[in-house]
PDB file of N, CA and C in Angstrom:
ATOM      1  N   UNK A   1     -16.238 -83.050-159.925  1.00  0.00           N
ATOM      2  CA  UNK A   1     -15.274 -84.126-159.749  1.00  0.00           C
ATOM      3  C   UNK A   1     -14.413 -83.883-158.512  1.00  0.00           C
ATOM      4  N   UNK A   2     -13.965 -82.621-158.331  1.00  0.00           N
ATOM      5  CA  UNK A   2     -13.119 -82.320-157.177  1.00  0.00           C
ATOM      6  C   UNK A   2     -13.896 -82.475-155.873  1.00  0.00           C
ATOM      7  N   UNK A   3     -15.180 -82.059-155.880  1.00  0.00           N
ATOM      8  CA  UNK A   3     -15.993 -82.212-154.676  1.00  0.00           C
ATOM      9  C   UNK A   3     -16.188 -83.684-154.339  1.00  0.00           C
ATOM     10  N   UNK A   4     -16.437 -84.477-155.347  1.00  0.00           N
ATOM     11  CA  UNK A   4     -16.635 -85.912-155.131  1.00  0.00           C
ATOM     12  C   UNK A   4     -15.387 -86.559-154.558  1.00  0.00           C
ATOM     13  N   UNK A   5     -14.224 -86.198-155.091  1.00  0.00           N
ATOM     14  CA  UNK A   5     -12.961 -86.731-154.587  1.00  0.00           C
ATOM     15  C   UNK A   5     -12.717 -86.272-153.151  1.00  0.00           C
ATOM     16  N   UNK A   6     -13.053 -85.019-152.869  1.00  0.00           N
ATOM     17  CA  UNK A   6     -12.886 -84.476-151.521  1.00  0.00           C
ATOM     18  C   UNK A   6     -13.745 -85.252-150.521  1.00  0.00           C
ATOM     19  N   UNK A   7     -15.016 -85.471-150.854  1.00  0.00           N
ATOM     20  CA  UNK A   7     -15.902 -86.205-149.953  1.00  0.00           C
ATOM     21  C   UNK A   7     -15.474 -87.659-149.817  1.00  0.00           C
ATOM     22  N   UNK A   8     -14.966 -88.242-150.894  1.00  0.00           N
ATOM     23  CA  UNK A   8     -14.470 -89.619-150.835  1.00  0.00           C
ATOM     24  C   UNK A   8     -13.306 -89.722-149.850  1.00  0.00           C
ATOM     25  N   UNK A   9     -12.388 -88.767-149.903  1.00  0.00           N
ATOM     26  CA  UNK A   9     -11.250 -88.759-148.980  1.00  0.00           C
ATOM     27  C   UNK A   9     -11.738 -88.550-147.549  1.00  0.00           C
ATOM     28  N   UNK A  10     -12.719 -87.666-147.355  1.00  0.00           N
ATOM     29  CA  UNK A  10     -13.276 -87.451-146.019  1.00  0.00           C
ATOM     30  C   UNK A  10     -13.924 -88.717-145.467  1.00  0.00           C
ATOM     31  N   UNK A  11     -14.652 -89.435-146.303  1.00  0.00           N
ATOM     32  CA  UNK A  11     -15.298 -90.676-145.860  1.00  0.00           C
ATOM     33  C   UNK A  11     -14.251 -91.705-145.466  1.00  0.00           C
ATOM     34  N   UNK A  12     -13.205 -91.841-146.269  1.00  0.00           N
ATOM     35  CA  UNK A  12     -12.134 -92.801-145.944  1.00  0.00           C
ATOM     36  C   UNK A  12     -11.453 -92.416-144.635  1.00  0.00           C
ATOM     37  N   UNK A  13     -11.199 -91.119-144.439  1.00  0.00           N
ATOM     38  CA  UNK A  13     -10.566 -90.662-143.197  1.00  0.00           C
ATOM     39  C   UNK A  13     -11.478 -90.923-142.003  1.00  0.00           C
ATOM     40  N   UNK A  14     -12.776 -90.687-142.167  1.00  0.00           N
ATOM     41  CA  UNK A  14     -13.728 -90.925-141.086  1.00  0.00           C
ATOM     42  C   UNK A  14     -13.779 -92.405-140.720  1.00  0.00           C
ATOM     43  N   UNK A  15     -13.792 -93.273-141.716  1.00  0.00           N
ATOM     44  CA  UNK A  15     -13.790 -94.719-141.461  1.00  0.00           C
ATOM     45  C   UNK A  15     -12.504 -95.126-140.747  1.00  0.00           C
ATOM     46  N   UNK A  16     -11.383 -94.550-141.153  1.00  0.00           N
ATOM     47  CA  UNK A  16     -10.114 -94.844-140.489  1.00  0.00           C
ATOM     48  C   UNK A  16     -10.113 -94.396-139.039  1.00  0.00           C
ATOM     49  N   UNK A  17     -10.688 -93.230-138.763  1.00  0.00           N
ATOM     50  CA  UNK A  17     -10.771 -92.763-137.378  1.00  0.00           C
ATOM     51  C   UNK A  17     -11.653 -93.664-136.530  1.00  0.00           C
ATOM     52  N   UNK A  18     -12.765 -94.103-137.094  1.00  0.00           N
ATOM     53  CA  UNK A  18     -13.665 -94.968-136.330  1.00  0.00           C
ATOM     54  C   UNK A  18     -12.986 -96.296-136.015  1.00  0.00           C
ATOM     55  N   UNK A  19     -12.262 -96.853-136.964  1.00  0.00           N
ATOM     56  CA  UNK A  19     -11.617 -98.145-136.714  1.00  0.00           C
ATOM     57  C   UNK A  19     -10.453 -98.023-135.738  1.00  0.00           C
ATOM     58  N   UNK A  20      -9.845 -96.840-135.655  1.00  0.00           N
ATOM     59  CA  UNK A  20      -8.725 -96.645-134.730  1.00  0.00           C
ATOM     60  C   UNK A  20      -9.114 -95.796-133.526  1.00  0.00           C
ATOM     61  N   UNK A  21     -10.395 -95.776-133.195  1.00  0.00           N
ATOM     62  CA  UNK A  21     -10.875 -94.917-132.124  1.00  0.00           C
ATOM     63  C   UNK A  21     -10.238 -95.249-130.781  1.00  0.00           C
ATOM     64  N   UNK A  22     -10.061 -96.529-130.490  1.00  0.00           N
ATOM     65  CA  UNK A  22      -9.448 -96.895-129.214  1.00  0.00           C
ATOM     66  C   UNK A  22      -8.007 -96.401-129.140  1.00  0.00           C
ATOM     67  N   UNK A  23      -7.288 -96.458-130.250  1.00  0.00           N
ATOM     68  CA  UNK A  23      -5.912 -95.944-130.257  1.00  0.00           C
ATOM     69  C   UNK A  23      -5.885 -94.433-130.061  1.00  0.00           C
ATOM     70  N   UNK A  24      -6.828 -93.739-130.686  1.00  0.00           N
ATOM     71  CA  UNK A  24      -6.882 -92.280-130.565  1.00  0.00           C
ATOM     72  C   UNK A  24      -7.161 -91.888-129.120  1.00  0.00           C
ATOM     73  N   UNK A  25      -8.155 -92.523-128.491  1.00  0.00           N
ATOM     74  CA  UNK A  25      -8.465 -92.205-127.093  1.00  0.00           C
ATOM     75  C   UNK A  25      -7.307 -92.558-126.173  1.00  0.00           C
ATOM     76  N   UNK A  26      -6.640 -93.662-126.457  1.00  0.00           N
ATOM     77  CA  UNK A  26      -5.491 -94.068-125.647  1.00  0.00           C
ATOM     78  C   UNK A  26      -4.368 -93.037-125.757  1.00  0.00           C
ATOM     79  N   UNK A  27      -4.101 -92.538-126.963  1.00  0.00           N
ATOM     80  CA  UNK A  27      -3.050 -91.528-127.140  1.00  0.00           C
ATOM     81  C   UNK A  27      -3.425 -90.222-126.435  1.00  0.00           C
ATOM     82  N   UNK A  28      -4.695 -89.820-126.529  1.00  0.00           N
ATOM     83  CA  UNK A  28      -5.137 -88.590-125.861  1.00  0.00           C
ATOM     84  C   UNK A  28      -5.002 -88.734-124.352  1.00  0.00           C
ATOM     85  N   UNK A  29      -5.405 -89.879-123.811  1.00  0.00           N
ATOM     86  CA  UNK A  29      -5.298 -90.112-122.372  1.00  0.00           C
ATOM     87  C   UNK A  29      -3.843 -90.107-121.923  1.00  0.00           C
ATOM     88  N   UNK A  30      -2.975 -90.775-122.677  1.00  0.00           N
ATOM     89  CA  UNK A  30      -1.554 -90.799-122.321  1.00  0.00           C
ATOM     90  C   UNK A  30      -0.943 -89.401-122.372  1.00  0.00           C
ATOM     91  N   UNK A  31      -1.312 -88.613-123.371  1.00  0.00           N
ATOM     92  CA  UNK A  31      -0.791 -87.252-123.477  1.00  0.00           C
ATOM     93  C   UNK A  31      -1.271 -86.399-122.306  1.00  0.00           C
ATOM     94  N   UNK A  32      -2.550 -86.504-121.962  1.00  0.00           N
ATOM     95  CA  UNK A  32      -3.088 -85.723-120.848  1.00  0.00           C
ATOM     96  C   UNK A  32      -2.421 -86.128-119.538  1.00  0.00           C
ATOM     97  N   UNK A  33      -2.237 -87.418-119.340  1.00  0.00           N
ATOM     98  CA  UNK A  33      -1.575 -87.899-118.128  1.00  0.00           C
ATOM     99  C   UNK A  33      -0.136 -87.413-118.063  1.00  0.00           C
ATOM    100  N   UNK A  34       0.563 -87.441-119.174  1.00  0.00           N
ATOM    101  CA  UNK A  34       1.943 -86.948-119.211  1.00  0.00           C
ATOM    102  C   UNK A  34       2.002 -85.459-118.891  1.00  0.00           C
ATOM    103  N   UNK A  35       1.071 -84.678-119.435  1.00  0.00           N
ATOM    104  CA  UNK A  35       1.044 -83.242-119.150  1.00  0.00           C
ATOM    105  C   UNK A  35       0.768 -82.966-117.676  1.00  0.00           C
ATOM    106  N   UNK A  36      -0.119 -83.743-117.069  1.00  0.00           N
ATOM    107  CA  UNK A  36      -0.411 -83.565-115.644  1.00  0.00           C
ATOM    108  C   UNK A  36       0.821 -83.880-114.808  1.00  0.00           C
ATOM    109  N   UNK A  37       1.511 -84.961-115.130  1.00  0.00           N
ATOM    110  CA  UNK A  37       2.711 -85.342-114.379  1.00  0.00           C
ATOM    111  C   UNK A  37       3.797 -84.286-114.532  1.00  0.00           C
ATOM    112  N   UNK A  38       4.011 -83.802-115.747  1.00  0.00           N
ATOM    113  CA  UNK A  38       5.025 -82.758-115.968  1.00  0.00           C
ATOM    114  C   UNK A  38       4.646 -81.487-115.210  1.00  0.00           C
ATOM    115  N   UNK A  39       3.366 -81.131-115.222  1.00  0.00           N
ATOM    116  CA  UNK A  39       2.908 -79.959-114.481  1.00  0.00           C
ATOM    117  C   UNK A  39       3.140 -80.095-112.987  1.00  0.00           C
ATOM    118  N   UNK A  40       2.857 -81.283-112.440  1.00  0.00           N
ATOM    119  CA  UNK A  40       3.087 -81.507-111.010  1.00  0.00           C
ATOM    120  C   UNK A  40       4.563 -81.424-110.657  1.00  0.00           C
ATOM    121  N   UNK A  41       5.410 -81.963-111.513  1.00  0.00           N
ATOM    122  CA  UNK A  41       6.855 -81.896-111.264  1.00  0.00           C
ATOM    123  C   UNK A  41       7.330 -80.452-111.296  1.00  0.00           C
ATOM    124  N   UNK A  42       6.876 -79.679-112.289  1.00  0.00           N
ATOM    125  CA  UNK A  42       7.271 -78.269-112.372  1.00  0.00           C
ATOM    126  C   UNK A  42       6.766 -77.472-111.170  1.00  0.00           C
ATOM    127  N   UNK A  43       5.538 -77.759-110.723  1.00  0.00           N
ATOM    128  CA  UNK A  43       5.009 -77.054-109.554  1.00  0.00           C
ATOM    129  C   UNK A  43       5.803 -77.412-108.299  1.00  0.00           C
ATOM    130  N   UNK A  44       6.174 -78.682-108.161  1.00  0.00           N
ATOM    131  CA  UNK A  44       6.967 -79.090-106.994  1.00  0.00           C
ATOM    132  C   UNK A  44       8.325 -78.396-106.996  1.00  0.00           C
ATOM    133  N   UNK A  45       8.949 -78.317-108.157  1.00  0.00           N
ATOM    134  CA  UNK A  45      10.238 -77.614-108.250  1.00  0.00           C
ATOM    135  C   UNK A  45      10.052 -76.148-107.884  1.00  0.00           C
ATOM    136  N   UNK A  46       9.002 -75.534-108.395  1.00  0.00           N
ATOM    137  CA  UNK A  46       8.728 -74.124-108.085  1.00  0.00           C
ATOM    138  C   UNK A  46       8.472 -73.937-106.593  1.00  0.00           C
ATOM    139  N   UNK A  47       7.654 -74.816-106.020  1.00  0.00           N
ATOM    140  CA  UNK A  47       7.248 -74.640-104.632  1.00  0.00           C
ATOM    141  C   UNK A  47       8.407 -74.875-103.666  1.00  0.00           C
ATOM    142  N   UNK A  48       9.174 -75.940-103.886  1.00  0.00           N
ATOM    143  CA  UNK A  48      10.203 -76.300-102.909  1.00  0.00           C
ATOM    144  C   UNK A  48      11.552 -75.635-103.150  1.00  0.00           C
ATOM    145  N   UNK A  49      11.846 -75.231-104.371  1.00  0.00           N
ATOM    146  CA  UNK A  49      13.171 -74.687-104.646  1.00  0.00           C
ATOM    147  C   UNK A  49      13.175 -73.190-104.952  1.00  0.00           C
ATOM    148  N   UNK A  50      12.082 -72.655-105.473  1.00  0.00           N
ATOM    149  CA  UNK A  50      12.088 -71.250-105.870  1.00  0.00           C
ATOM    150  C   UNK A  50      11.406 -70.324-104.865  1.00  0.00           C
ATOM    151  N   UNK A  51      10.446 -70.849-104.096  1.00  0.00           N
ATOM    152  CA  UNK A  51       9.785 -70.012-103.100  1.00  0.00           C
ATOM    153  C   UNK A  51      10.601 -69.986-101.813  1.00  0.00           C
ATOM    154  N   UNK A  52      10.621 -68.829-101.177  1.00  0.00           N
ATOM    155  CA  UNK A  52      11.311 -68.746 -99.887  1.00  0.00           C
ATOM    156  C   UNK A  52      10.410 -69.346 -98.806  1.00  0.00           C
ATOM    157  N   UNK A  53      10.964 -69.542 -97.634  1.00  0.00           N
ATOM    158  CA  UNK A  53      10.201 -70.128 -96.531  1.00  0.00           C
ATOM    159  C   UNK A  53       9.023 -69.233 -96.136  1.00  0.00           C
ATOM    160  N   UNK A  54       9.234 -67.926 -96.150  1.00  0.00           N
ATOM    161  CA  UNK A  54       8.149 -67.002 -95.798  1.00  0.00           C
ATOM    162  C   UNK A  54       7.000 -67.072 -96.807  1.00  0.00           C
ATOM    163  N   UNK A  55       7.343 -67.169 -98.085  1.00  0.00           N
ATOM    164  CA  UNK A  55       6.299 -67.271 -99.116  1.00  0.00           C
ATOM    165  C   UNK A  55       5.513 -68.565 -98.968  1.00  0.00           C
ATOM    166  N   UNK A  56       6.202 -69.656 -98.614  1.00  0.00           N
ATOM    167  CA  UNK A  56       5.505 -70.928 -98.398  1.00  0.00           C
ATOM    168  C   UNK A  56       4.553 -70.835 -97.211  1.00  0.00           C
ATOM    169  N   UNK A  57       5.015 -70.209 -96.130  1.00  0.00           N
ATOM    170  CA  UNK A  57       4.144 -70.042 -94.958  1.00  0.00           C
ATOM    171  C   UNK A  57       2.920 -69.206 -95.320  1.00  0.00           C
ATOM    172  N   UNK A  58       3.117 -68.164 -96.102  1.00  0.00           N
ATOM    173  CA  UNK A  58       2.008 -67.309 -96.516  1.00  0.00           C
ATOM    174  C   UNK A  58       0.997 -68.098 -97.348  1.00  0.00           C
ATOM    175  N   UNK A  59       1.476 -68.902 -98.277  1.00  0.00           N
ATOM    176  CA  UNK A  59       0.566 -69.706 -99.106  1.00  0.00           C
ATOM    177  C   UNK A  59      -0.203 -70.719 -98.259  1.00  0.00           C
ATOM    178  N   UNK A  60       0.485 -71.352 -97.292  1.00  0.00           N
ATOM    179  CA  UNK A  60      -0.191 -72.289 -96.399  1.00  0.00           C
ATOM    180  C   UNK A  60      -1.290 -71.582 -95.611  1.00  0.00           C
ATOM    181  N   UNK A  61      -0.980 -70.395 -95.102  1.00  0.00           N
ATOM    182  CA  UNK A  61      -1.973 -69.637 -94.343  1.00  0.00           C
ATOM    183  C   UNK A  61      -3.165 -69.269 -95.224  1.00  0.00           C
ATOM    184  N   UNK A  62      -2.913 -68.912 -96.471  1.00  0.00           N
ATOM    185  CA  UNK A  62      -4.012 -68.608 -97.395  1.00  0.00           C
ATOM    186  C   UNK A  62      -4.914 -69.818 -97.607  1.00  0.00           C
ATOM    187  N   UNK A  63      -4.300 -70.991 -97.793  1.00  0.00           N
ATOM    188  CA  UNK A  63      -5.094 -72.206 -97.993  1.00  0.00           C
ATOM    189  C   UNK A  63      -5.955 -72.500 -96.771  1.00  0.00           C
ATOM    190  N   UNK A  64      -5.377 -72.366 -95.577  1.00  0.00           N
ATOM    191  CA  UNK A  64      -6.147 -72.625 -94.355  1.00  0.00           C
ATOM    192  C   UNK A  64      -7.307 -71.650 -94.225  1.00  0.00           C
ATOM    193  N   UNK A  65      -7.062 -70.384 -94.533  1.00  0.00           N
ATOM    194  CA  UNK A  65      -8.117 -69.376 -94.446  1.00  0.00           C
ATOM    195  C   UNK A  65      -9.232 -69.677 -95.444  1.00  0.00           C
ATOM    196  N   UNK A  66      -8.869 -70.083 -96.647  1.00  0.00           N
ATOM    197  CA  UNK A  66      -9.883 -70.414 -97.655  1.00  0.00           C
ATOM    198  C   UNK A  66     -10.738 -71.582 -97.185  1.00  0.00           C
ATOM    199  N   UNK A  67     -10.099 -72.598 -96.580  1.00  0.00           N
ATOM    200  CA  UNK A  67     -10.856 -73.749 -96.083  1.00  0.00           C
ATOM    201  C   UNK A  67     -11.823 -73.335 -94.985  1.00  0.00           C
ATOM    202  N   UNK A  68     -11.355 -72.498 -94.059  1.00  0.00           N
ATOM    203  CA  UNK A  68     -12.230 -72.057 -92.966  1.00  0.00           C
ATOM    204  C   UNK A  68     -13.420 -71.280 -93.504  1.00  0.00           C
ATOM    205  N   UNK A  69     -13.185 -70.396 -94.454  1.00  0.00           N
ATOM    206  CA  UNK A  69     -14.279 -69.614 -95.034  1.00  0.00           C
ATOM    207  C   UNK A  69     -15.244 -70.493 -95.808  1.00  0.00           C
ATOM    208  N   UNK A  70     -14.711 -71.518 -96.446  1.00  0.00           N
ATOM    209  CA  UNK A  70     -15.543 -72.424 -97.233  1.00  0.00           C
ATOM    210  C   UNK A  70     -16.515 -73.177 -96.328  1.00  0.00           C
ATOM    211  N   UNK A  71     -16.033 -73.605 -95.161  1.00  0.00           N
ATOM    212  CA  UNK A  71     -16.889 -74.369 -94.263  1.00  0.00           C
ATOM    213  C   UNK A  71     -17.875 -73.483 -93.504  1.00  0.00           C
ATOM    214  N   UNK A  72     -17.575 -72.204 -93.360  1.00  0.00           N
ATOM    215  CA  UNK A  72     -18.490 -71.293 -92.675  1.00  0.00           C
ATOM    216  C   UNK A  72     -19.731 -71.025 -93.507  1.00  0.00           C
ATOM    217  N   UNK A  73     -19.579 -70.973 -94.811  1.00  0.00           N
ATOM    218  CA  UNK A  73     -20.700 -70.603 -95.690  1.00  0.00           C
ATOM    219  C   UNK A  73     -21.659 -71.732 -95.919  1.00  0.00           C
TER     220      UNK A  73
END
């Protein structure tokens, strides 16, 4: 009896997920987009306010070197 009730609840939950699939995907997409935006804002704050000018120059030089090596290979 307990197994039957358990499977019945699982079937109802599965049907509910299928009928609300567009809402679920929309919520996942919105959450992922929000996390990306928050991450970009935090990185911008870190890059422009917490790094010194010398550290920024060093990072820029590293990026340029990586690009040059990438195109050589």
